[in-house]
């Protein structure tokens, strides 16, 4: 049976892979993908903790407390989508200006 520990270990692995990518990659596209791994790791842990720490009320009670993690996950997904849209716009401008997507070359665009 899959429990809370399994989800938390999975989310920690996703977060660690994303953090490794953010710290080591110089390609802007790989950097954005690593940021998405970070967001996904956090989202998995938030939903898992919300599911396993909230007791189920089978007596027809309120489900508002059960949806807290899912609402927070939707908020994280919306923020991630906006971050990716802005990040891709910056990558396109970087490629147009320098003909490369290397993050180290971005400092050459200063005037």
Protein backbone atom coordinates (compact mmCIF):
# COMPACT_ATOMS: atom_id res chain seq x y z
CA UNK A 1 0.00 0.00 0.00
CA UNK A 2 1.27 3.44 -0.92
CA UNK A 3 1.37 5.76 2.06
CA UNK A 4 2.35 9.31 2.81
CA UNK A 5 6.05 8.43 3.10
CA UNK A 6 6.13 7.16 -0.48
CA UNK A 7 4.68 10.40 -1.82
CA UNK A 8 7.02 12.52 0.29
CA UNK A 9 10.05 10.53 -0.88
CA UNK A 10 8.91 10.91 -4.49
CA UNK A 11 8.41 14.66 -4.07
CA UNK A 12 11.83 14.98 -2.39
CA UNK A 13 13.43 13.18 -5.35
CA UNK A 14 11.67 15.50 -7.81
CA UNK A 15 12.69 18.56 -5.81
CA UNK A 16 16.30 17.37 -5.54
CA UNK A 17 16.54 16.70 -9.28
CA UNK A 18 15.10 20.14 -9.98
CA UNK A 19 17.50 21.81 -7.55
CA UNK A 20 20.45 19.99 -9.11
CA UNK A 21 19.34 21.16 -12.55
CA UNK A 22 18.93 24.76 -11.43
CA UNK A 23 22.38 24.83 -9.86
CA UNK A 24 24.28 23.09 -12.67
CA UNK A 25 22.61 23.86 -16.01
CA UNK A 26 23.59 26.82 -18.14
CA UNK A 27 21.03 26.28 -20.89
CA UNK A 28 17.96 28.44 -20.29
CA UNK A 29 15.50 25.78 -21.49
CA UNK A 30 17.00 23.17 -19.15
CA UNK A 31 16.88 25.73 -16.37
CA UNK A 32 13.16 26.29 -16.92
CA UNK A 33 12.54 22.54 -16.97
CA UNK A 34 14.40 22.22 -13.68
CA UNK A 35 12.24 24.94 -12.17
CA UNK A 36 9.18 22.98 -13.24
CA UNK A 37 10.57 19.91 -11.44
CA UNK A 38 10.91 22.03 -8.31
CA UNK A 39 7.30 23.17 -8.58
CA UNK A 40 6.05 19.64 -9.25
CA UNK A 41 7.89 18.28 -6.22
CA UNK A 42 6.27 20.87 -3.99
CA UNK A 43 2.84 20.24 -5.54
CA UNK A 44 3.03 16.49 -4.95
CA UNK A 45 4.00 16.98 -1.32
CA UNK A 46 1.26 19.56 -0.67
CA UNK A 47 -1.48 17.35 -2.12
CA UNK A 48 -0.19 14.24 -0.32
CA UNK A 49 0.04 15.96 3.05
CA UNK A 50 -3.42 17.48 2.62
CA UNK A 51 -4.86 14.07 1.76
CA UNK A 52 -3.20 12.03 4.48
CA UNK A 53 -3.41 14.49 7.37
CA UNK A 54 -7.08 15.42 6.93
CA UNK A 55 -9.41 12.80 8.41
CA UNK A 56 -12.16 11.61 6.11
CA UNK A 57 -15.62 12.59 7.31
CA UNK A 58 -17.97 9.97 5.94
CA UNK A 59 -21.00 11.31 7.79
CA UNK A 60 -21.88 13.77 5.06
CA UNK A 61 -19.78 16.53 6.57
CA UNK A 62 -17.91 19.32 4.86
CA UNK A 63 -15.27 18.50 2.26
CA UNK A 64 -13.70 21.96 2.41
CA UNK A 65 -10.75 20.72 4.44
CA UNK A 66 -10.13 17.93 1.93
CA UNK A 67 -9.82 20.40 -0.93
CA UNK A 68 -7.26 22.66 0.72
CA UNK A 69 -4.28 20.83 -0.79
CA UNK A 70 -5.89 20.64 -4.21
CA UNK A 71 -6.68 24.36 -4.22
CA UNK A 72 -3.11 25.15 -3.21
CA UNK A 73 -1.86 22.82 -5.97
CA UNK A 74 -3.96 24.66 -8.55
CA UNK A 75 -2.46 27.93 -7.32
CA UNK A 76 1.06 26.49 -7.75
CA UNK A 77 0.21 25.27 -11.26
CA UNK A 78 -1.09 28.72 -12.26
CA UNK A 79 2.03 30.43 -10.92
CA UNK A 80 4.22 27.88 -12.75
CA UNK A 81 2.38 28.50 -16.03
CA UNK A 82 2.90 32.25 -15.70
CA UNK A 83 6.57 31.70 -14.82
CA UNK A 84 7.09 29.51 -17.89
CA UNK A 85 5.40 32.03 -20.19
CA UNK A 86 7.61 34.82 -18.89
CA UNK A 87 10.71 32.60 -18.94
CA UNK A 88 10.14 31.55 -22.55
CA UNK A 89 9.69 35.17 -23.57
CA UNK A 90 13.04 36.00 -21.95
CA UNK A 91 14.67 33.00 -23.67
CA UNK A 92 13.34 34.12 -27.06
CA UNK A 93 14.72 37.63 -26.50
CA UNK A 94 18.05 36.18 -25.39
CA UNK A 95 18.22 34.01 -28.51
CA UNK A 96 17.35 36.94 -30.78
CA UNK A 97 19.99 39.14 -29.20
CA UNK A 98 22.87 36.66 -28.79
CA UNK A 99 21.92 33.66 -30.99
CA UNK A 100 22.37 31.38 -27.96
CA UNK A 101 20.32 30.26 -24.99
CA UNK A 102 23.29 30.09 -22.62
CA UNK A 103 22.45 31.88 -19.38
CA UNK A 104 26.04 33.10 -19.04
CA UNK A 105 25.66 35.13 -22.22
CA UNK A 106 22.74 37.11 -20.77
CA UNK A 107 25.11 39.48 -19.00
CA UNK A 108 26.43 40.58 -22.40
CA UNK A 109 23.04 42.12 -23.20
CA UNK A 110 23.55 44.94 -20.64
CA UNK A 111 24.17 48.42 -21.92
